[in-house]
Amino acid sequence: MNKLNWQYKYFNEISVSELYTILKLRSRVFVVEQDCVYLDMDDKDQQCFHLCGWNGNNLVAYARILPPGLAFTEASIGRVVTNPDYRKTGAGRVLMAHAIEKTLEQFRVTDIRIGAQKYLLSFYNSLGFEISGPEYLEDGIPHVEMLLKK
């Protein structure tokens, strides 16, 4: 999935059409697929950068990059999602590699903290993240905080 067109934009640089596509994918996966009724729009998007991997007009992979102090003391990567139509292509791994790079560059930090869904621990661990807190429930889904130190 190295052939994706990657776009990195601050919230106010995203077009209405792009925002609609982002929110549609997030709802498709986080609300419908995961059967989790919660409000995805949490008033953090407006203070974040948004990383999108496009294949033509299809949003393949997405993550939001949060500045230090917004979700955690450290900078963070959240709302990490791969379009179900493109799973098992490596797009998620490429997305996270780009997201880590952008986070480190954007905020000139050495640590990135995430709230990972527990079933994805081995994926995030393979990227260098280590468990840094107890398991907790977020919107009914088991999560754990993880930290990447560079």
N, C-alpha and C. Protein backbone atom coordinates (compact mmCIF):
# COMPACT_ATOMS: atom_id res chain seq x y z
N MET A 1 0.82 -1.21 0.00
CA MET A 1 0.00 0.00 0.00
C MET A 1 0.86 1.26 0.00
N ASN A 2 2.03 1.17 -0.56
CA ASN A 2 2.88 2.36 -0.68
C ASN A 2 2.43 3.28 -1.81
N LYS A 3 1.43 2.86 -2.59
CA LYS A 3 0.97 3.64 -3.73
C LYS A 3 -0.14 4.62 -3.35
N LEU A 4 -0.44 4.70 -2.07
CA LEU A 4 -1.50 5.62 -1.63
C LEU A 4 -1.02 7.06 -1.74
N ASN A 5 -1.98 7.96 -1.95
CA ASN A 5 -1.71 9.39 -1.93
C ASN A 5 -1.94 9.87 -0.50
N TRP A 6 -0.87 10.23 0.19
CA TRP A 6 -0.98 10.63 1.59
C TRP A 6 -1.17 12.13 1.70
N GLN A 7 -2.15 12.53 2.50
CA GLN A 7 -2.41 13.94 2.76
C GLN A 7 -2.38 14.17 4.27
N TYR A 8 -1.73 15.24 4.66
CA TYR A 8 -1.60 15.61 6.07
C TYR A 8 -2.06 17.04 6.19
N LYS A 9 -3.19 17.24 6.88
CA LYS A 9 -3.79 18.57 6.94
C LYS A 9 -4.26 18.89 8.35
N TYR A 10 -4.16 20.18 8.69
CA TYR A 10 -4.79 20.66 9.91
C TYR A 10 -6.30 20.73 9.65
N PHE A 11 -7.09 20.67 10.70
CA PHE A 11 -8.54 20.58 10.56
C PHE A 11 -9.12 21.60 9.59
N ASN A 12 -8.73 22.88 9.72
CA ASN A 12 -9.35 23.91 8.89
C ASN A 12 -8.88 23.87 7.44
N GLU A 13 -7.96 22.97 7.10
CA GLU A 13 -7.51 22.78 5.72
C GLU A 13 -8.28 21.66 5.01
N ILE A 14 -9.05 20.90 5.77
CA ILE A 14 -9.80 19.78 5.21
C ILE A 14 -11.05 20.31 4.51
N SER A 15 -11.30 19.82 3.30
CA SER A 15 -12.51 20.24 2.60
C SER A 15 -13.74 19.57 3.23
N VAL A 16 -14.89 20.12 2.95
CA VAL A 16 -16.13 19.55 3.45
C VAL A 16 -16.28 18.11 2.96
N SER A 17 -15.97 17.87 1.70
CA SER A 17 -16.07 16.53 1.13
C SER A 17 -15.11 15.55 1.81
N GLU A 18 -13.88 16.00 2.06
CA GLU A 18 -12.90 15.15 2.76
C GLU A 18 -13.37 14.84 4.17
N LEU A 19 -13.88 15.85 4.87
CA LEU A 19 -14.36 15.64 6.23
C LEU A 19 -15.51 14.65 6.26
N TYR A 20 -16.42 14.78 5.32
CA TYR A 20 -17.55 13.84 5.24
C TYR A 20 -17.04 12.42 5.06
N THR A 21 -16.06 12.23 4.18
CA THR A 21 -15.50 10.90 3.92
C THR A 21 -14.79 10.35 5.15
N ILE A 22 -14.05 11.19 5.85
CA ILE A 22 -13.37 10.78 7.08
C ILE A 22 -14.38 10.33 8.12
N LEU A 23 -15.38 11.17 8.37
CA LEU A 23 -16.37 10.84 9.39
C LEU A 23 -17.20 9.62 9.01
N LYS A 24 -17.45 9.44 7.73
CA LYS A 24 -18.18 8.27 7.26
C LYS A 24 -17.38 6.99 7.55
N LEU A 25 -16.08 7.00 7.26
CA LEU A 25 -15.25 5.82 7.54
C LEU A 25 -15.16 5.57 9.04
N ARG A 26 -14.95 6.61 9.82
CA ARG A 26 -14.87 6.43 11.28
C ARG A 26 -16.17 5.85 11.81
N SER A 27 -17.32 6.35 11.34
CA SER A 27 -18.61 5.81 11.79
C SER A 27 -18.80 4.38 11.33
N ARG A 28 -18.41 4.09 10.10
CA ARG A 28 -18.56 2.72 9.56
C ARG A 28 -17.84 1.70 10.44
N VAL A 29 -16.63 2.05 10.87
CA VAL A 29 -15.84 1.10 11.65
C VAL A 29 -16.11 1.21 13.14
N PHE A 30 -15.98 2.40 13.71
CA PHE A 30 -16.05 2.54 15.17
C PHE A 30 -17.46 2.44 15.74
N VAL A 31 -18.47 2.78 14.96
CA VAL A 31 -19.84 2.73 15.45
C VAL A 31 -20.57 1.49 14.94
N VAL A 32 -20.60 1.31 13.62
CA VAL A 32 -21.38 0.22 13.03
C VAL A 32 -20.66 -1.12 13.17
N GLU A 33 -19.44 -1.23 12.64
CA GLU A 33 -18.73 -2.51 12.66
C GLU A 33 -18.46 -2.99 14.09
N GLN A 34 -18.03 -2.08 14.96
CA GLN A 34 -17.71 -2.46 16.33
C GLN A 34 -18.93 -2.42 17.24
N ASP A 35 -20.09 -2.14 16.66
CA ASP A 35 -21.35 -2.12 17.39
C ASP A 35 -21.23 -1.34 18.69
N CYS A 36 -20.74 -0.11 18.55
CA CYS A 36 -20.46 0.73 19.71
C CYS A 36 -21.15 2.08 19.51
N VAL A 37 -22.23 2.27 20.21
CA VAL A 37 -22.96 3.53 20.08
C VAL A 37 -22.30 4.58 20.96
N TYR A 38 -21.60 5.50 20.30
CA TYR A 38 -20.95 6.59 21.01
C TYR A 38 -20.82 7.76 20.05
N LEU A 39 -20.57 8.93 20.59
CA LEU A 39 -20.41 10.12 19.78
C LEU A 39 -18.95 10.25 19.36
N ASP A 40 -18.67 9.99 18.10
CA ASP A 40 -17.31 10.04 17.57
C ASP A 40 -16.76 11.47 17.56
N MET A 41 -17.59 12.43 17.27
CA MET A 41 -17.15 13.82 17.24
C MET A 41 -17.02 14.32 18.68
N ASP A 42 -15.78 14.48 19.13
CA ASP A 42 -15.49 14.77 20.53
C ASP A 42 -14.89 16.16 20.77
N ASP A 43 -15.00 17.03 19.78
CA ASP A 43 -14.47 18.40 19.86
C ASP A 43 -12.95 18.45 19.95
N LYS A 44 -12.27 17.36 19.59
CA LYS A 44 -10.82 17.37 19.52
C LYS A 44 -10.34 17.52 18.08
N ASP A 45 -11.15 17.09 17.12
CA ASP A 45 -10.74 17.14 15.72
C ASP A 45 -10.25 18.52 15.29
N GLN A 46 -10.90 19.56 15.79
CA GLN A 46 -10.58 20.92 15.37
C GLN A 46 -9.18 21.36 15.80
N GLN A 47 -8.58 20.65 16.74
CA GLN A 47 -7.25 21.00 17.24
C GLN A 47 -6.19 20.01 16.77
N CYS A 48 -6.54 19.20 15.79
CA CYS A 48 -5.66 18.10 15.36
C CYS A 48 -5.25 18.22 13.90
N PHE A 49 -4.22 17.46 13.58
CA PHE A 49 -3.84 17.22 12.20
C PHE A 49 -4.46 15.90 11.79
N HIS A 50 -4.73 15.75 10.51
CA HIS A 50 -5.43 14.57 10.01
C HIS A 50 -4.63 13.97 8.86
N LEU A 51 -4.30 12.69 9.00
CA LEU A 51 -3.50 11.97 8.02
C LEU A 51 -4.40 11.01 7.27
N CYS A 52 -4.45 11.16 5.95
CA CYS A 52 -5.33 10.34 5.12
C CYS A 52 -4.53 9.68 4.00
N GLY A 53 -4.78 8.40 3.81
CA GLY A 53 -4.21 7.67 2.69
C GLY A 53 -5.31 7.38 1.69
N TRP A 54 -5.21 7.97 0.51
CA TRP A 54 -6.25 7.87 -0.51
C TRP A 54 -5.80 6.97 -1.66
N ASN A 55 -6.74 6.20 -2.17
CA ASN A 55 -6.59 5.47 -3.43
C ASN A 55 -7.66 6.04 -4.35
N GLY A 56 -7.27 7.03 -5.15
CA GLY A 56 -8.26 7.78 -5.93
C GLY A 56 -9.16 8.54 -4.98
N ASN A 57 -10.47 8.31 -5.07
CA ASN A 57 -11.43 8.95 -4.16
C ASN A 57 -11.76 8.10 -2.95
N ASN A 58 -11.12 6.95 -2.83
CA ASN A 58 -11.39 6.04 -1.71
C ASN A 58 -10.43 6.31 -0.56
N LEU A 59 -10.98 6.59 0.61
CA LEU A 59 -10.17 6.75 1.80
C LEU A 59 -9.81 5.36 2.31
N VAL A 60 -8.54 5.02 2.25
CA VAL A 60 -8.07 3.69 2.62
C VAL A 60 -7.68 3.63 4.09
N ALA A 61 -6.99 4.68 4.57
CA ALA A 61 -6.49 4.67 5.95
C ALA A 61 -6.49 6.10 6.49
N TYR A 62 -6.73 6.20 7.79
CA TYR A 62 -6.86 7.52 8.42
C TYR A 62 -6.38 7.45 9.86
N ALA A 63 -5.77 8.55 10.31
CA ALA A 63 -5.44 8.73 11.73
C ALA A 63 -5.44 10.22 12.03
N ARG A 64 -5.77 10.55 13.27
CA ARG A 64 -5.65 11.95 13.66
C ARG A 64 -4.47 12.06 14.61
N ILE A 65 -3.77 13.18 14.48
CA ILE A 65 -2.56 13.45 15.23
C ILE A 65 -2.89 14.54 16.25
N LEU A 66 -2.79 14.18 17.52
CA LEU A 66 -3.19 15.09 18.60
C LEU A 66 -1.97 15.73 19.24
N PRO A 67 -2.03 17.04 19.47
CA PRO A 67 -0.91 17.72 20.11
C PRO A 67 -0.79 17.32 21.58
N PRO A 68 0.40 17.52 22.14
CA PRO A 68 0.56 17.26 23.57
C PRO A 68 -0.46 18.07 24.37
N GLY A 69 -1.01 17.44 25.40
CA GLY A 69 -1.93 18.13 26.28
C GLY A 69 -3.40 18.03 25.89
N LEU A 70 -3.71 17.49 24.71
CA LEU A 70 -5.11 17.41 24.29
C LEU A 70 -5.77 16.14 24.82
N ALA A 71 -5.17 14.99 24.60
CA ALA A 71 -5.71 13.73 25.12
C ALA A 71 -4.85 13.21 26.26
N PHE A 72 -3.55 13.37 26.11
CA PHE A 72 -2.56 12.94 27.10
C PHE A 72 -1.54 14.05 27.25
N THR A 73 -0.67 13.92 28.24
CA THR A 73 0.42 14.88 28.39
C THR A 73 1.29 14.87 27.13
N GLU A 74 1.51 13.67 26.59
CA GLU A 74 2.32 13.51 25.40
C GLU A 74 1.47 13.73 24.14
N ALA A 75 2.12 13.90 23.00
CA ALA A 75 1.43 13.89 21.72
C ALA A 75 0.81 12.50 21.55
N SER A 76 -0.20 12.41 20.69
CA SER A 76 -0.90 11.15 20.55
C SER A 76 -1.36 10.94 19.11
N ILE A 77 -1.65 9.68 18.81
CA ILE A 77 -2.25 9.29 17.54
C ILE A 77 -3.55 8.59 17.88
N GLY A 78 -4.62 8.99 17.24
CA GLY A 78 -5.90 8.38 17.56
C GLY A 78 -6.78 8.20 16.35
N ARG A 79 -7.94 7.59 16.58
CA ARG A 79 -8.92 7.31 15.53
C ARG A 79 -8.25 6.60 14.34
N VAL A 80 -7.32 5.71 14.66
CA VAL A 80 -6.59 4.96 13.63
C VAL A 80 -7.56 3.96 13.00
N VAL A 81 -7.72 4.05 11.68
CA VAL A 81 -8.69 3.19 11.02
C VAL A 81 -8.25 2.86 9.60
N THR A 82 -8.48 1.61 9.23
CA THR A 82 -8.27 1.17 7.85
C THR A 82 -9.63 0.78 7.28
N ASN A 83 -9.90 1.23 6.09
CA ASN A 83 -11.14 0.89 5.40
C ASN A 83 -11.25 -0.63 5.31
N PRO A 84 -12.37 -1.21 5.74
CA PRO A 84 -12.52 -2.67 5.69
C PRO A 84 -12.26 -3.27 4.30
N ASP A 85 -12.51 -2.50 3.25
CA ASP A 85 -12.28 -2.99 1.90
C ASP A 85 -10.80 -3.13 1.57
N TYR A 86 -9.92 -2.58 2.42
CA TYR A 86 -8.48 -2.60 2.16
C TYR A 86 -7.69 -3.28 3.28
N ARG A 87 -8.37 -4.01 4.12
CA ARG A 87 -7.67 -4.69 5.20
C ARG A 87 -6.80 -5.81 4.64
N LYS A 88 -5.79 -6.16 5.39
CA LYS A 88 -4.83 -7.22 5.01
C LYS A 88 -3.98 -6.81 3.81
N THR A 89 -3.86 -5.50 3.57
CA THR A 89 -3.01 -5.02 2.48
C THR A 89 -1.73 -4.36 3.00
N GLY A 90 -1.63 -4.21 4.33
CA GLY A 90 -0.50 -3.51 4.92
C GLY A 90 -0.73 -2.02 5.08
N ALA A 91 -1.91 -1.56 4.69
CA ALA A 91 -2.21 -0.12 4.76
C ALA A 91 -2.14 0.41 6.19
N GLY A 92 -2.59 -0.39 7.16
CA GLY A 92 -2.56 0.06 8.55
C GLY A 92 -1.15 0.26 9.07
N ARG A 93 -0.25 -0.62 8.70
CA ARG A 93 1.16 -0.51 9.13
C ARG A 93 1.81 0.72 8.48
N VAL A 94 1.52 0.93 7.19
CA VAL A 94 2.06 2.11 6.50
C VAL A 94 1.48 3.38 7.12
N LEU A 95 0.18 3.37 7.41
CA LEU A 95 -0.47 4.50 8.06
C LEU A 95 0.24 4.85 9.37
N MET A 96 0.46 3.85 10.21
CA MET A 96 1.07 4.11 11.51
C MET A 96 2.52 4.59 11.36
N ALA A 97 3.24 4.08 10.40
CA ALA A 97 4.62 4.55 10.17
C ALA A 97 4.60 6.04 9.82
N HIS A 98 3.69 6.43 8.93
CA HIS A 98 3.55 7.84 8.57
C HIS A 98 3.08 8.67 9.77
N ALA A 99 2.12 8.14 10.53
CA ALA A 99 1.57 8.88 11.67
C ALA A 99 2.65 9.11 12.73
N ILE A 100 3.45 8.11 13.00
CA ILE A 100 4.54 8.26 13.98
C ILE A 100 5.52 9.32 13.50
N GLU A 101 5.93 9.22 12.23
CA GLU A 101 6.87 10.19 11.66
C GLU A 101 6.31 11.61 11.74
N LYS A 102 5.06 11.79 11.33
CA LYS A 102 4.45 13.12 11.35
C LYS A 102 4.33 13.68 12.77
N THR A 103 3.96 12.82 13.72
CA THR A 103 3.81 13.26 15.11
C THR A 103 5.14 13.73 15.67
N LEU A 104 6.18 12.95 15.45
CA LEU A 104 7.51 13.32 15.95
C LEU A 104 7.99 14.63 15.33
N GLU A 105 7.78 14.78 14.02
CA GLU A 105 8.20 16.00 13.32
C GLU A 105 7.35 17.21 13.72
N GLN A 106 6.04 17.03 13.73
CA GLN A 106 5.13 18.15 13.96
C GLN A 106 5.32 18.78 15.33
N PHE A 107 5.47 17.93 16.34
CA PHE A 107 5.50 18.45 17.70
C PHE A 107 6.89 18.39 18.34
N ARG A 108 7.88 17.93 17.57
CA ARG A 108 9.26 17.84 18.06
C ARG A 108 9.31 17.16 19.43
N VAL A 109 8.68 15.99 19.49
CA VAL A 109 8.61 15.21 20.73
C VAL A 109 9.39 13.91 20.56
N THR A 110 9.59 13.23 21.67
CA THR A 110 10.25 11.93 21.62
C THR A 110 9.34 10.81 22.11
N ASP A 111 8.21 11.19 22.71
CA ASP A 111 7.26 10.19 23.23
C ASP A 111 5.89 10.39 22.59
N ILE A 112 5.24 9.28 22.28
CA ILE A 112 3.87 9.30 21.76
C ILE A 112 3.05 8.31 22.59
N ARG A 113 1.95 8.78 23.15
CA ARG A 113 1.06 7.92 23.94
C ARG A 113 -0.24 7.69 23.17
N ILE A 114 -0.71 6.44 23.21
CA ILE A 114 -1.97 6.11 22.55
C ILE A 114 -2.86 5.35 23.52
N GLY A 115 -4.14 5.37 23.25
CA GLY A 115 -5.11 4.51 23.92
C GLY A 115 -5.49 3.44 22.91
N ALA A 116 -4.93 2.25 23.05
CA ALA A 116 -5.09 1.19 22.05
C ALA A 116 -6.19 0.22 22.44
N GLN A 117 -6.98 -0.17 21.45
CA GLN A 117 -7.93 -1.25 21.69
C GLN A 117 -7.13 -2.51 21.99
N LYS A 118 -7.54 -3.22 23.03
CA LYS A 118 -6.75 -4.34 23.53
C LYS A 118 -6.45 -5.40 22.47
N TYR A 119 -7.38 -5.65 21.57
CA TYR A 119 -7.15 -6.69 20.58
C TYR A 119 -6.05 -6.31 19.59
N LEU A 120 -5.62 -5.04 19.59
CA LEU A 120 -4.57 -4.58 18.69
C LEU A 120 -3.21 -4.42 19.38
N LEU A 121 -3.09 -4.93 20.60
CA LEU A 121 -1.83 -4.77 21.35
C LEU A 121 -0.62 -5.29 20.58
N SER A 122 -0.72 -6.46 19.99
CA SER A 122 0.45 -7.03 19.30
C SER A 122 0.82 -6.17 18.09
N PHE A 123 -0.17 -5.61 17.40
CA PHE A 123 0.11 -4.72 16.27
C PHE A 123 0.90 -3.51 16.74
N TYR A 124 0.40 -2.82 17.76
CA TYR A 124 1.08 -1.63 18.25
C TYR A 124 2.43 -1.97 18.88
N ASN A 125 2.50 -3.11 19.55
CA ASN A 125 3.76 -3.56 20.13
C ASN A 125 4.81 -3.76 19.03
N SER A 126 4.38 -4.28 17.89
CA SER A 126 5.31 -4.51 16.77
C SER A 126 5.84 -3.19 16.19
N LEU A 127 5.17 -2.09 16.49
CA LEU A 127 5.60 -0.76 16.04
C LEU A 127 6.46 -0.06 17.09
N GLY A 128 6.68 -0.72 18.23
CA GLY A 128 7.52 -0.15 19.27
C GLY A 128 6.78 0.41 20.47
N PHE A 129 5.45 0.38 20.46
CA PHE A 129 4.68 0.85 21.60
C PHE A 129 4.71 -0.20 22.71
N GLU A 130 4.79 0.26 23.95
CA GLU A 130 4.77 -0.64 25.10
C GLU A 130 3.64 -0.24 26.04
N ILE A 131 3.04 -1.23 26.66
CA ILE A 131 1.95 -0.98 27.61
C ILE A 131 2.47 -0.08 28.73
N SER A 132 1.68 0.94 29.05
CA SER A 132 2.13 1.89 30.07
C SER A 132 1.05 2.19 31.11
N GLY A 133 0.02 1.36 31.16
CA GLY A 133 -1.03 1.58 32.14
C GLY A 133 -1.96 0.39 32.19
N PRO A 134 -2.89 0.41 33.14
CA PRO A 134 -3.83 -0.70 33.29
C PRO A 134 -4.89 -0.69 32.19
N GLU A 135 -5.52 -1.83 32.01
CA GLU A 135 -6.62 -1.95 31.07
C GLU A 135 -7.80 -1.12 31.57
N TYR A 136 -8.53 -0.52 30.64
CA TYR A 136 -9.72 0.26 30.99
C TYR A 136 -10.75 0.10 29.88
N LEU A 137 -11.98 0.41 30.21
CA LEU A 137 -13.05 0.37 29.20
C LEU A 137 -13.28 1.77 28.67
N GLU A 138 -13.34 1.87 27.35
CA GLU A 138 -13.71 3.12 26.71
C GLU A 138 -14.84 2.80 25.74
N ASP A 139 -15.99 3.36 26.00
CA ASP A 139 -17.18 3.09 25.18
C ASP A 139 -17.46 1.60 25.10
N GLY A 140 -17.22 0.88 26.20
CA GLY A 140 -17.51 -0.54 26.29
C GLY A 140 -16.48 -1.45 25.65
N ILE A 141 -15.37 -0.89 25.16
CA ILE A 141 -14.32 -1.68 24.50
C ILE A 141 -13.06 -1.64 25.36
N PRO A 142 -12.46 -2.81 25.65
CA PRO A 142 -11.21 -2.83 26.43
C PRO A 142 -10.07 -2.10 25.70
N HIS A 143 -9.43 -1.21 26.42
CA HIS A 143 -8.30 -0.43 25.91
C HIS A 143 -7.14 -0.51 26.90
N VAL A 144 -5.99 -0.10 26.44
CA VAL A 144 -4.83 0.04 27.32
C VAL A 144 -3.96 1.18 26.77
N GLU A 145 -3.40 1.98 27.67
CA GLU A 145 -2.48 3.04 27.23
C GLU A 145 -1.16 2.40 26.84
N MET A 146 -0.58 2.92 25.78
CA MET A 146 0.72 2.44 25.30
C MET A 146 1.60 3.66 25.00
N LEU A 147 2.89 3.48 25.16
CA LEU A 147 3.84 4.58 24.97
C LEU A 147 4.94 4.16 24.02
N LEU A 148 5.27 5.05 23.09
CA LEU A 148 6.40 4.86 22.17
C LEU A 148 7.44 5.90 22.56
N LYS A 149 8.64 5.43 22.83
CA LYS A 149 9.75 6.33 23.16
C LYS A 149 10.77 6.27 22.03
N LYS A 150 11.09 7.43 21.49
CA LYS A 150 12.08 7.50 20.39
C LYS A 150 13.34 8.19 20.86
